[in-house]
Amino acid sequence: MTDTDTDPLYERLKGFEGLPNTTAGRGKDPVNEPMIRHWCEAMGDAHPAYTGPDAVAPPTMLQAWTMGGLSGHAGLSSAYEELSALLDEAGCTSIVATDCEQEYLRPLRPGDVITFDSVIESVSPRKTTKLGTGYFVTTRMDVRANGELAGTHRFRVLKYAPAARTPKPTGKDEPRRPRPVINRDNAGFWEGVAEHRLLIQRCTGCETLRFPWLPGCNACGGQDWDTVEASGEGTVYSYVVMHHPPFPAFDPPYAVGLIELAEGVRMISNVVGVPYDKVRIGMPVRLAFQRFDEELELPVFRALDGASEGEG
């Protein structure tokens, strides 16, 4: 919701709209094949357009070519820092990224030299959200390849004063976790979970394994399949630590991992057995089943390193 009362701070914040954030920024490396390869491997994207002599960069890499790394970029203005300081003084000391939008105007190819400019595009009126009360700040970056506009990247954050946390309910009023959506395409998976088995679909045409469950094979398009039971061994391929927003029945912070199973497919689940800040990429994990209430039991992955330190 938007706060409609007079807001003198908002009038000051509006004065930052249109001010430059970065002027004549320059990508630290031209578009290049190694970075494209690393990106595609991390994302699991094997599209043939990103390899070979006529390769282009994945469009979603647009911002990657502008990143300054630990040493940062020259050409930064003080406007964004001044805006942030003004919000900090008003008590809006927390920040969360809310969304980004990208527009692609031409493909990027190896050898393209990247330059960019960015501005503070807009500051919203004061908003009250479940996280707290604050302001949405949007920056726009125009990315050029060899001087030609190649794309636009908009990034929006909420700078806010945290709302007081509601005490966690206890006893019969304690909220329950959301129930999984079970349909004809994934019912077999949940039947396996009820038996403490983690089942992976396998195409009977090309024998490609797939997860999550889908009605057809994404490799050959075949409609027929059977299942194999996962061994339960895996490693943390990637992970995030959830702090916000706090959902009912969840107690942040907690670690959510993208787990690469020994069979080669990946799935998302909680990582338990170590504190959330001890989870690491490459950490070995093993399948476990955790009961959350009398009706809900879910597959999770228990860390094999430091399991005696307590659950996160």
C-alpha atoms as a PDB file:
ATOM      1  CA  MET A   1       0.000   0.000   0.000  1.00  0.00           C
ATOM      2  CA  THR A   2       1.021   3.634  -0.523  1.00  0.00           C
ATOM      3  CA  ASP A   3       1.110   6.034   2.393  1.00  0.00           C
ATOM      4  CA  THR A   4      -0.939   9.033   1.312  1.00  0.00           C
ATOM      5  CA  ASP A   5      -0.075  11.516   4.060  1.00  0.00           C
ATOM      6  CA  THR A   6       2.330  14.388   3.364  1.00  0.00           C
ATOM      7  CA  ASP A   7       5.877  13.062   3.174  1.00  0.00           C
ATOM      8  CA  PRO A   8       8.608  15.736   3.168  1.00  0.00           C
ATOM      9  CA  LEU A   9      11.283  13.059   2.790  1.00  0.00           C
ATOM     10  CA  TYR A  10       9.738  11.846  -0.450  1.00  0.00           C
ATOM     11  CA  GLU A  11      10.021  15.334  -1.929  1.00  0.00           C
ATOM     12  CA  ARG A  12      13.761  15.276  -1.172  1.00  0.00           C
ATOM     13  CA  LEU A  13      14.148  11.784  -2.584  1.00  0.00           C
ATOM     14  CA  LYS A  14      12.403  12.770  -5.830  1.00  0.00           C
ATOM     15  CA  GLY A  15      15.230  15.238  -6.406  1.00  0.00           C
ATOM     16  CA  PHE A  16      17.581  12.317  -7.061  1.00  0.00           C
ATOM     17  CA  GLU A  17      15.569  11.031 -10.028  1.00  0.00           C
ATOM     18  CA  GLY A  18      17.500  11.357 -13.265  1.00  0.00           C
ATOM     19  CA  LEU A  19      20.864  11.834 -11.559  1.00  0.00           C
ATOM     20  CA  PRO A  20      23.694   9.673 -12.908  1.00  0.00           C
ATOM     21  CA  ASN A  21      24.902   6.668 -10.973  1.00  0.00           C
ATOM     22  CA  THR A  22      27.644   5.581 -13.387  1.00  0.00           C
ATOM     23  CA  THR A  23      28.985   7.606 -16.291  1.00  0.00           C
ATOM     24  CA  ALA A  24      31.057   6.087 -19.109  1.00  0.00           C
ATOM     25  CA  GLY A  25      31.500   2.787 -17.318  1.00  0.00           C
ATOM     26  CA  ARG A  26      33.523   0.174 -19.156  1.00  0.00           C
ATOM     27  CA  GLY A  27      33.341  -3.597 -18.873  1.00  0.00           C
ATOM     28  CA  LYS A  28      36.547  -5.046 -17.464  1.00  0.00           C
ATOM     29  CA  ASP A  29      36.648  -7.702 -20.176  1.00  0.00           C
ATOM     30  CA  PRO A  30      35.241  -7.888 -23.694  1.00  0.00           C
ATOM     31  CA  VAL A  31      32.530 -10.460 -24.252  1.00  0.00           C
ATOM     32  CA  ASN A  32      34.452 -13.731 -24.288  1.00  0.00           C
ATOM     33  CA  GLU A  33      33.960 -17.461 -24.711  1.00  0.00           C
ATOM     34  CA  PRO A  34      35.326 -18.600 -21.312  1.00  0.00           C
ATOM     35  CA  MET A  35      32.802 -16.477 -19.384  1.00  0.00           C
ATOM     36  CA  ILE A  36      30.002 -17.687 -21.668  1.00  0.00           C
ATOM     37  CA  ARG A  37      31.063 -21.296 -21.037  1.00  0.00           C
ATOM     38  CA  HIS A  38      31.214 -20.833 -17.256  1.00  0.00           C
ATOM     39  CA  TRP A  39      27.784 -19.163 -17.261  1.00  0.00           C
ATOM     40  CA  CYS A  40      26.205 -21.936 -19.332  1.00  0.00           C
ATOM     41  CA  GLU A  41      27.733 -24.639 -17.130  1.00  0.00           C
ATOM     42  CA  ALA A  42      26.462 -22.924 -13.979  1.00  0.00           C
ATOM     43  CA  MET A  43      22.976 -22.489 -15.442  1.00  0.00           C
ATOM     44  CA  GLY A  44      22.839 -25.909 -17.073  1.00  0.00           C
ATOM     45  CA  ASP A  45      22.124 -24.259 -20.434  1.00  0.00           C
ATOM     46  CA  ALA A  46      23.393 -26.322 -23.364  1.00  0.00           C
ATOM     47  CA  HIS A  47      21.761 -24.313 -26.165  1.00  0.00           C
ATOM     48  CA  PRO A  48      23.924 -24.608 -29.312  1.00  0.00           C
ATOM     49  CA  ALA A  49      23.688 -20.856 -30.011  1.00  0.00           C
ATOM     50  CA  TYR A  50      26.229 -20.269 -27.217  1.00  0.00           C
ATOM     51  CA  THR A  51      29.019 -22.395 -28.716  1.00  0.00           C
ATOM     52  CA  GLY A  52      30.917 -22.594 -31.971  1.00  0.00           C
ATOM     53  CA  PRO A  53      32.317 -20.007 -34.370  1.00  0.00           C
ATOM     54  CA  ASP A  54      29.063 -17.989 -34.538  1.00  0.00           C
ATOM     55  CA  ALA A  55      28.392 -18.103 -30.801  1.00  0.00           C
ATOM     56  CA  VAL A  56      26.475 -15.357 -29.020  1.00  0.00           C
ATOM     57  CA  ALA A  57      26.290 -14.723 -25.293  1.00  0.00           C
ATOM     58  CA  PRO A  58      23.130 -15.745 -23.435  1.00  0.00           C
ATOM     59  CA  PRO A  59      20.958 -12.607 -23.275  1.00  0.00           C
ATOM     60  CA  THR A  60      20.593 -12.939 -19.505  1.00  0.00           C
ATOM     61  CA  MET A  61      24.347 -12.348 -19.168  1.00  0.00           C
ATOM     62  CA  LEU A  62      23.717  -8.676 -20.007  1.00  0.00           C
ATOM     63  CA  GLN A  63      24.603  -7.397 -16.530  1.00  0.00           C
ATOM     64  CA  ALA A  64      27.508  -9.825 -16.082  1.00  0.00           C
ATOM     65  CA  TRP A  65      29.655  -7.891 -18.569  1.00  0.00           C
ATOM     66  CA  THR A  66      29.246  -4.702 -16.530  1.00  0.00           C
ATOM     67  CA  MET A  67      30.230  -6.039 -13.105  1.00  0.00           C
ATOM     68  CA  GLY A  68      33.205  -4.391 -11.461  1.00  0.00           C
ATOM     69  CA  GLY A  69      34.321  -7.200  -9.184  1.00  0.00           C
ATOM     70  CA  LEU A  70      35.942  -6.510  -5.822  1.00  0.00           C
ATOM     71  CA  SER A  71      37.837  -3.475  -7.097  1.00  0.00           C
ATOM     72  CA  GLY A  72      34.711  -1.798  -8.485  1.00  0.00           C
ATOM     73  CA  HIS A  73      34.434   0.696 -11.335  1.00  0.00           C
ATOM     74  CA  ALA A  74      35.672   4.199 -11.955  1.00  0.00           C
ATOM     75  CA  GLY A  75      33.109   6.809 -12.976  1.00  0.00           C
ATOM     76  CA  LEU A  76      30.707   6.248 -10.076  1.00  0.00           C
ATOM     77  CA  SER A  77      28.827   9.322  -8.916  1.00  0.00           C
ATOM     78  CA  SER A  78      28.015  10.091  -5.300  1.00  0.00           C
ATOM     79  CA  ALA A  79      24.277  10.462  -5.957  1.00  0.00           C
ATOM     80  CA  TYR A  80      23.276   6.912  -5.040  1.00  0.00           C
ATOM     81  CA  GLU A  81      25.377   6.967  -1.857  1.00  0.00           C
ATOM     82  CA  GLU A  82      23.771  10.272  -0.859  1.00  0.00           C
ATOM     83  CA  LEU A  83      20.309   8.841  -1.530  1.00  0.00           C
ATOM     84  CA  SER A  84      21.091   5.757   0.569  1.00  0.00           C
ATOM     85  CA  ALA A  85      22.484   7.880   3.393  1.00  0.00           C
ATOM     86  CA  LEU A  86      19.323   9.997   3.415  1.00  0.00           C
ATOM     87  CA  LEU A  87      17.203   6.866   3.720  1.00  0.00           C
ATOM     88  CA  ASP A  88      19.457   5.480   6.462  1.00  0.00           C
ATOM     89  CA  GLU A  89      19.008   8.680   8.453  1.00  0.00           C
ATOM     90  CA  ALA A  90      15.234   8.246   8.143  1.00  0.00           C
ATOM     91  CA  GLY A  91      15.474   4.748   9.656  1.00  0.00           C
ATOM     92  CA  CYS A  92      15.308   2.836   6.358  1.00  0.00           C
ATOM     93  CA  THR A  93      18.449   0.884   7.140  1.00  0.00           C
ATOM     94  CA  SER A  94      17.458  -2.458   5.587  1.00  0.00           C
ATOM     95  CA  ILE A  95      17.463  -3.281   1.903  1.00  0.00           C
ATOM     96  CA  VAL A  96      16.105  -6.102  -0.221  1.00  0.00           C
ATOM     97  CA  ALA A  97      16.226  -6.551  -3.987  1.00  0.00           C
ATOM     98  CA  THR A  98      12.707  -6.919  -5.347  1.00  0.00           C
ATOM     99  CA  ASP A  99      12.997  -7.387  -9.112  1.00  0.00           C
ATOM    100  CA  CYS A 100      14.930  -6.633 -12.259  1.00  0.00           C
ATOM    101  CA  GLU A 101      13.868  -6.124 -15.861  1.00  0.00           C
ATOM    102  CA  GLN A 102      16.047  -6.535 -18.933  1.00  0.00           C
ATOM    103  CA  GLU A 103      15.424  -5.551 -22.542  1.00  0.00           C
ATOM    104  CA  TYR A 104      17.628  -7.055 -25.250  1.00  0.00           C
ATOM    105  CA  LEU A 105      18.179  -5.018 -28.403  1.00  0.00           C
ATOM    106  CA  ARG A 106      20.955  -6.967 -30.069  1.00  0.00           C
ATOM    107  CA  PRO A 107      22.954 -10.138 -29.299  1.00  0.00           C
ATOM    108  CA  LEU A 108      26.384  -9.841 -27.697  1.00  0.00           C
ATOM    109  CA  ARG A 109      29.220 -11.670 -29.408  1.00  0.00           C
ATOM    110  CA  PRO A 110      32.769 -12.559 -28.349  1.00  0.00           C
ATOM    111  CA  GLY A 111      34.985  -9.525 -28.853  1.00  0.00           C
ATOM    112  CA  ASP A 112      32.309  -6.903 -28.187  1.00  0.00           C
ATOM    113  CA  VAL A 113      33.582  -4.103 -25.955  1.00  0.00           C
ATOM    114  CA  ILE A 114      31.007  -3.203 -23.308  1.00  0.00           C
ATOM    115  CA  THR A 115      30.339   0.326 -22.042  1.00  0.00           C
ATOM    116  CA  PHE A 116      27.449   1.518 -19.932  1.00  0.00           C
ATOM    117  CA  ASP A 117      25.791   4.405 -18.139  1.00  0.00           C
ATOM    118  CA  SER A 118      23.316   4.178 -15.279  1.00  0.00           C
ATOM    119  CA  VAL A 119      20.913   6.610 -13.663  1.00  0.00           C
ATOM    120  CA  ILE A 120      18.591   6.708 -10.674  1.00  0.00           C
ATOM    121  CA  GLU A 121      15.415   6.327 -12.680  1.00  0.00           C
ATOM    122  CA  SER A 122      12.740   6.572  -9.995  1.00  0.00           C
ATOM    123  CA  VAL A 123      11.977   6.630  -6.285  1.00  0.00           C
ATOM    124  CA  SER A 124       8.516   5.505  -5.219  1.00  0.00           C
ATOM    125  CA  PRO A 125       6.296   7.216  -2.654  1.00  0.00           C
ATOM    126  CA  ARG A 126       6.533   5.685   0.793  1.00  0.00           C
ATOM    127  CA  LYS A 127       5.155   2.142   0.822  1.00  0.00           C
ATOM    128  CA  THR A 128       4.107  -0.108   3.661  1.00  0.00           C
ATOM    129  CA  THR A 129       4.887  -3.780   3.084  1.00  0.00           C
ATOM    130  CA  LYS A 130       5.052  -6.867   5.283  1.00  0.00           C
ATOM    131  CA  LEU A 131       8.798  -6.322   5.577  1.00  0.00           C
ATOM    132  CA  GLY A 132       8.370  -2.744   6.758  1.00  0.00           C
ATOM    133  CA  THR A 133       7.854   0.794   5.503  1.00  0.00           C
ATOM    134  CA  GLY A 134      10.180   2.353   2.950  1.00  0.00           C
ATOM    135  CA  TYR A 135      10.809   3.364  -0.641  1.00  0.00           C
ATOM    136  CA  PHE A 136      11.412   1.462  -3.882  1.00  0.00           C
ATOM    137  CA  VAL A 137      14.473   2.771  -5.711  1.00  0.00           C
ATOM    138  CA  THR A 138      14.931   1.865  -9.386  1.00  0.00           C
ATOM    139  CA  THR A 139      18.162   2.289 -11.321  1.00  0.00           C
ATOM    140  CA  ARG A 140      18.416   1.905 -15.095  1.00  0.00           C
ATOM    141  CA  MET A 141      21.577   0.839 -16.878  1.00  0.00           C
ATOM    142  CA  ASP A 142      22.008   1.265 -20.643  1.00  0.00           C
ATOM    143  CA  VAL A 143      24.500  -1.277 -21.962  1.00  0.00           C
ATOM    144  CA  ARG A 144      26.347  -0.670 -25.233  1.00  0.00           C
ATOM    145  CA  ALA A 145      28.408  -3.007 -27.384  1.00  0.00           C
ATOM    146  CA  ASN A 146      31.039  -1.224 -29.476  1.00  0.00           C
ATOM    147  CA  GLY A 147      29.061   1.973 -28.918  1.00  0.00           C
ATOM    148  CA  GLU A 148      25.709   0.513 -30.037  1.00  0.00           C
ATOM    149  CA  LEU A 149      22.878   0.183 -27.514  1.00  0.00           C
ATOM    150  CA  ALA A 150      22.565  -3.542 -26.820  1.00  0.00           C
ATOM    151  CA  GLY A 151      20.208  -3.699 -23.878  1.00  0.00           C
ATOM    152  CA  THR A 152      18.714  -2.074 -20.814  1.00  0.00           C
ATOM    153  CA  HIS A 153      18.868  -3.386 -17.250  1.00  0.00           C
ATOM    154  CA  ARG A 154      16.534  -2.058 -14.565  1.00  0.00           C
ATOM    155  CA  PHE A 155      17.163  -3.048 -10.952  1.00  0.00           C
ATOM    156  CA  ARG A 156      14.777  -2.255  -8.103  1.00  0.00           C
ATOM    157  CA  VAL A 157      15.346  -2.424  -4.364  1.00  0.00           C
ATOM    158  CA  LEU A 158      13.227  -1.654  -1.331  1.00  0.00           C
ATOM    159  CA  LYS A 159      15.044   0.450   1.269  1.00  0.00           C
ATOM    160  CA  TYR A 160      12.942   0.121   4.403  1.00  0.00           C
ATOM    161  CA  ALA A 161      12.596   0.339   8.165  1.00  0.00           C
ATOM    162  CA  PRO A 162      11.955  -3.236   9.355  1.00  0.00           C
ATOM    163  CA  ALA A 163       8.539  -3.936  10.806  1.00  0.00           C
ATOM    164  CA  ALA A 164       8.369  -5.382  14.309  1.00  0.00           C
ATOM    165  CA  ARG A 165       8.372  -9.175  14.117  1.00  0.00           C
ATOM    166  CA  THR A 166       5.260 -10.929  15.322  1.00  0.00           C
ATOM    167  CA  PRO A 167       6.043 -13.539  17.991  1.00  0.00           C
ATOM    168  CA  LYS A 168       5.912 -17.027  16.590  1.00  0.00           C
ATOM    169  CA  PRO A 169       2.618 -18.732  17.536  1.00  0.00           C
ATOM    170  CA  THR A 170       2.802 -21.769  19.781  1.00  0.00           C
ATOM    171  CA  GLY A 171       0.576 -24.719  20.505  1.00  0.00           C
ATOM    172  CA  LYS A 172      -2.549 -25.344  18.461  1.00  0.00           C
ATOM    173  CA  ASP A 173      -2.361 -21.950  16.748  1.00  0.00           C
ATOM    174  CA  GLU A 174       1.048 -22.651  15.208  1.00  0.00           C
ATOM    175  CA  PRO A 175       0.782 -22.333  11.413  1.00  0.00           C
ATOM    176  CA  ARG A 176       1.386 -25.364   9.241  1.00  0.00           C
ATOM    177  CA  ARG A 177       3.678 -25.516   6.249  1.00  0.00           C
ATOM    178  CA  PRO A 178       1.995 -25.232   2.848  1.00  0.00           C
ATOM    179  CA  ARG A 179       0.907 -28.555   1.388  1.00  0.00           C
ATOM    180  CA  PRO A 180       2.584 -29.656  -1.869  1.00  0.00           C
ATOM    181  CA  VAL A 181       0.478 -29.458  -5.019  1.00  0.00           C
ATOM    182  CA  ILE A 182      -0.077 -33.054  -6.123  1.00  0.00           C
ATOM    183  CA  ASN A 183      -1.426 -33.736  -9.597  1.00  0.00           C
ATOM    184  CA  ARG A 184      -1.415 -36.542 -12.154  1.00  0.00           C
ATOM    185  CA  ASP A 185       2.046 -35.534 -13.394  1.00  0.00           C
ATOM    186  CA  ASN A 186       3.821 -35.770 -10.033  1.00  0.00           C
ATOM    187  CA  ALA A 187       1.643 -38.091  -7.933  1.00  0.00           C
ATOM    188  CA  GLY A 188       4.153 -40.923  -8.349  1.00  0.00           C
ATOM    189  CA  PHE A 189       6.900 -38.789  -6.809  1.00  0.00           C
ATOM    190  CA  TRP A 190       4.838 -38.113  -3.683  1.00  0.00           C
ATOM    191  CA  GLU A 191       3.853 -41.755  -3.418  1.00  0.00           C
ATOM    192  CA  GLY A 192       7.575 -42.507  -3.320  1.00  0.00           C
ATOM    193  CA  VAL A 193       8.147 -39.895  -0.607  1.00  0.00           C
ATOM    194  CA  ALA A 194       5.453 -41.539   1.511  1.00  0.00           C
ATOM    195  CA  GLU A 195       7.522 -44.749   1.266  1.00  0.00           C
ATOM    196  CA  HIS A 196      10.792 -42.882   2.007  1.00  0.00           C
ATOM    197  CA  ARG A 197      11.956 -43.335  -1.585  1.00  0.00           C
ATOM    198  CA  LEU A 198      13.200 -40.550  -3.853  1.00  0.00           C
ATOM    199  CA  LEU A 199      12.064 -41.463  -7.362  1.00  0.00           C
ATOM    200  CA  ILE A 200      13.494 -39.936 -10.544  1.00  0.00           C
ATOM    201  CA  GLN A 201      11.706 -40.154 -13.868  1.00  0.00           C
ATOM    202  CA  ARG A 202      13.493 -41.943 -16.715  1.00  0.00           C
ATOM    203  CA  CYS A 203      12.447 -41.704 -20.358  1.00  0.00           C
ATOM    204  CA  THR A 204      11.936 -45.210 -21.749  1.00  0.00           C
ATOM    205  CA  GLY A 205      12.842 -43.929 -25.219  1.00  0.00           C
ATOM    206  CA  CYS A 206      16.244 -42.292 -24.676  1.00  0.00           C
ATOM    207  CA  GLU A 207      16.751 -43.204 -20.976  1.00  0.00           C
ATOM    208  CA  THR A 208      17.327 -39.560 -19.998  1.00  0.00           C
ATOM    209  CA  LEU A 209      16.702 -38.915 -16.313  1.00  0.00           C
ATOM    210  CA  ARG A 210      14.632 -35.870 -15.429  1.00  0.00           C
ATOM    211  CA  PHE A 211      13.736 -33.937 -12.315  1.00  0.00           C
ATOM    212  CA  PRO A 212      11.393 -32.371 -11.409  1.00  0.00           C
ATOM    213  CA  TRP A 213       8.777 -34.686 -12.830  1.00  0.00           C
ATOM    214  CA  LEU A 214       7.373 -33.682 -16.216  1.00  0.00           C
ATOM    215  CA  PRO A 215       4.730 -35.184 -18.505  1.00  0.00           C
ATOM    216  CA  GLY A 216       7.221 -35.583 -21.371  1.00  0.00           C
ATOM    217  CA  CYS A 217      10.951 -35.976 -21.991  1.00  0.00           C
ATOM    218  CA  ASN A 218      12.771 -32.678 -22.539  1.00  0.00           C
ATOM    219  CA  ALA A 219      15.475 -34.487 -24.524  1.00  0.00           C
ATOM    220  CA  CYS A 220      13.518 -36.503 -27.103  1.00  0.00           C
ATOM    221  CA  GLY A 221       9.891 -35.511 -26.440  1.00  0.00           C
ATOM    222  CA  GLY A 222       8.871 -39.059 -25.541  1.00  0.00           C
ATOM    223  CA  GLN A 223       5.741 -39.495 -23.438  1.00  0.00           C
ATOM    224  CA  ASP A 224       6.578 -42.861 -21.859  1.00  0.00           C
ATOM    225  CA  TRP A 225       8.666 -43.218 -18.731  1.00  0.00           C
ATOM    226  CA  ASP A 226       9.519 -45.313 -15.732  1.00  0.00           C
ATOM    227  CA  THR A 227      11.412 -44.463 -12.556  1.00  0.00           C
ATOM    228  CA  VAL A 228      14.704 -45.149 -10.834  1.00  0.00           C
ATOM    229  CA  GLU A 229      15.236 -44.764  -7.115  1.00  0.00           C
ATOM    230  CA  ALA A 230      17.909 -42.254  -6.138  1.00  0.00           C
ATOM    231  CA  SER A 231      20.726 -43.527  -3.963  1.00  0.00           C
ATOM    232  CA  GLY A 232      20.296 -40.487  -1.736  1.00  0.00           C
ATOM    233  CA  GLU A 233      23.900 -39.332  -2.131  1.00  0.00           C
ATOM    234  CA  GLY A 234      24.536 -35.818  -3.425  1.00  0.00           C
ATOM    235  CA  THR A 235      26.450 -32.565  -3.110  1.00  0.00           C
ATOM    236  CA  VAL A 236      25.431 -28.947  -2.660  1.00  0.00           C
ATOM    237  CA  TYR A 237      25.599 -27.470  -6.163  1.00  0.00           C
ATOM    238  CA  SER A 238      24.416 -24.025  -5.020  1.00  0.00           C
ATOM    239  CA  TYR A 239      22.476 -22.580  -2.110  1.00  0.00           C
ATOM    240  CA  VAL A 240      20.842 -19.497  -0.618  1.00  0.00           C
ATOM    241  CA  VAL A 241      20.185 -18.538   2.986  1.00  0.00           C
ATOM    242  CA  MET A 242      16.637 -17.308   3.467  1.00  0.00           C
ATOM    243  CA  HIS A 243      16.271 -14.315   5.789  1.00  0.00           C
ATOM    244  CA  HIS A 244      13.300 -12.446   4.306  1.00  0.00           C
ATOM    245  CA  PRO A 245      10.429 -12.486   3.920  1.00  0.00           C
ATOM    246  CA  PRO A 246       9.402 -14.540   6.983  1.00  0.00           C
ATOM    247  CA  PHE A 247       6.661 -16.992   5.969  1.00  0.00           C
ATOM    248  CA  PRO A 248       4.326 -18.604   8.501  1.00  0.00           C
ATOM    249  CA  ALA A 249       5.657 -21.985   9.725  1.00  0.00           C
ATOM    250  CA  PHE A 250       9.195 -21.137   8.564  1.00  0.00           C
ATOM    251  CA  ASP A 251      11.834 -19.922  10.994  1.00  0.00           C
ATOM    252  CA  PRO A 252      14.546 -17.931   9.182  1.00  0.00           C
ATOM    253  CA  PRO A 253      17.419 -17.935   8.647  1.00  0.00           C
ATOM    254  CA  TYR A 254      17.664 -21.355   6.990  1.00  0.00           C
ATOM    255  CA  ALA A 255      19.585 -22.837   4.054  1.00  0.00           C
ATOM    256  CA  VAL A 256      17.908 -23.902   0.820  1.00  0.00           C
ATOM    257  CA  GLY A 257      20.172 -25.918  -1.448  1.00  0.00           C
ATOM    258  CA  LEU A 258      20.240 -26.914  -5.092  1.00  0.00           C
ATOM    259  CA  ILE A 259      21.405 -30.492  -4.643  1.00  0.00           C
ATOM    260  CA  GLU A 260      23.147 -32.423  -7.400  1.00  0.00           C
ATOM    261  CA  LEU A 261      22.242 -36.056  -6.909  1.00  0.00           C
ATOM    262  CA  ALA A 262      24.700 -38.831  -7.680  1.00  0.00           C
ATOM    263  CA  GLU A 263      22.472 -39.744 -10.626  1.00  0.00           C
ATOM    264  CA  GLY A 264      23.157 -36.351 -12.251  1.00  0.00           C
ATOM    265  CA  VAL A 265      19.848 -34.528 -11.782  1.00  0.00           C
ATOM    266  CA  ARG A 266      19.342 -31.635  -9.363  1.00  0.00           C
ATOM    267  CA  MET A 267      16.600 -30.818  -6.903  1.00  0.00           C
ATOM    268  CA  ILE A 268      15.863 -28.078  -4.381  1.00  0.00           C
ATOM    269  CA  SER A 269      15.409 -28.805  -0.700  1.00  0.00           C
ATOM    270  CA  ASN A 270      16.502 -27.729   2.766  1.00  0.00           C
ATOM    271  CA  VAL A 271      20.034 -28.488   3.927  1.00  0.00           C
ATOM    272  CA  VAL A 272      20.035 -29.633   7.564  1.00  0.00           C
ATOM    273  CA  GLY A 273      22.575 -31.047   9.968  1.00  0.00           C
ATOM    274  CA  VAL A 274      24.785 -27.944  10.143  1.00  0.00           C
ATOM    275  CA  PRO A 275      24.115 -24.292  10.993  1.00  0.00           C
ATOM    276  CA  TYR A 276      22.849 -22.333   7.994  1.00  0.00           C
ATOM    277  CA  ASP A 277      26.100 -20.325   7.782  1.00  0.00           C
ATOM    278  CA  LYS A 278      28.216 -23.485   7.522  1.00  0.00           C
ATOM    279  CA  VAL A 279      26.644 -24.721   4.282  1.00  0.00           C
ATOM    280  CA  ARG A 280      29.140 -24.675   1.420  1.00  0.00           C
ATOM    281  CA  ILE A 281      29.133 -25.444  -2.313  1.00  0.00           C
ATOM    282  CA  GLY A 282      30.480 -28.955  -2.850  1.00  0.00           C
ATOM    283  CA  MET A 283      29.430 -30.141   0.633  1.00  0.00           C
ATOM    284  CA  PRO A 284      28.412 -33.815   0.575  1.00  0.00           C
ATOM    285  CA  VAL A 285      24.868 -34.510   1.712  1.00  0.00           C
ATOM    286  CA  ARG A 286      22.622 -37.504   2.145  1.00  0.00           C
ATOM    287  CA  LEU A 287      18.879 -37.813   1.706  1.00  0.00           C
ATOM    288  CA  ALA A 288      16.711 -37.810   4.818  1.00  0.00           C
ATOM    289  CA  PHE A 289      12.983 -37.444   5.433  1.00  0.00           C
ATOM    290  CA  GLN A 290      11.803 -34.840   7.916  1.00  0.00           C
ATOM    291  CA  ARG A 291       8.341 -34.769   9.459  1.00  0.00           C
ATOM    292  CA  PHE A 292       6.857 -31.304   9.950  1.00  0.00           C
ATOM    293  CA  ASP A 293       3.423 -32.278  11.247  1.00  0.00           C
ATOM    294  CA  GLU A 294       1.134 -35.274  11.419  1.00  0.00           C
ATOM    295  CA  GLU A 295       0.390 -35.061   7.685  1.00  0.00           C
ATOM    296  CA  LEU A 296       3.538 -33.647   6.095  1.00  0.00           C
ATOM    297  CA  GLU A 297       6.891 -35.368   5.615  1.00  0.00           C
ATOM    298  CA  LEU A 298       9.379 -34.009   3.083  1.00  0.00           C
ATOM    299  CA  PRO A 299      12.738 -35.033   1.633  1.00  0.00           C
ATOM    300  CA  VAL A 300      15.641 -32.930   2.952  1.00  0.00           C
ATOM    301  CA  PHE A 301      19.403 -33.320   2.734  1.00  0.00           C
ATOM    302  CA  ARG A 302      21.594 -33.778   5.772  1.00  0.00           C
ATOM    303  CA  ALA A 303      25.143 -32.477   5.589  1.00  0.00           C
ATOM    304  CA  LEU A 304      27.808 -35.134   6.089  1.00  0.00           C
ATOM    305  CA  ASP A 305      30.426 -32.547   7.216  1.00  0.00           C
ATOM    306  CA  GLY A 306      30.020 -31.215  10.744  1.00  0.00           C
ATOM    307  CA  ALA A 307      26.704 -32.979  11.357  1.00  0.00           C
ATOM    308  CA  SER A 308      27.342 -32.924  15.064  1.00  0.00           C
ATOM    309  CA  GLU A 309      27.200 -29.107  15.189  1.00  0.00           C
ATOM    310  CA  GLY A 310      23.412 -29.013  15.281  1.00  0.00           C
ATOM    311  CA  GLU A 311      20.798 -28.369  12.628  1.00  0.00           C
ATOM    312  CA  GLY A 312      20.412 -25.079  10.794  1.00  0.00           C
END
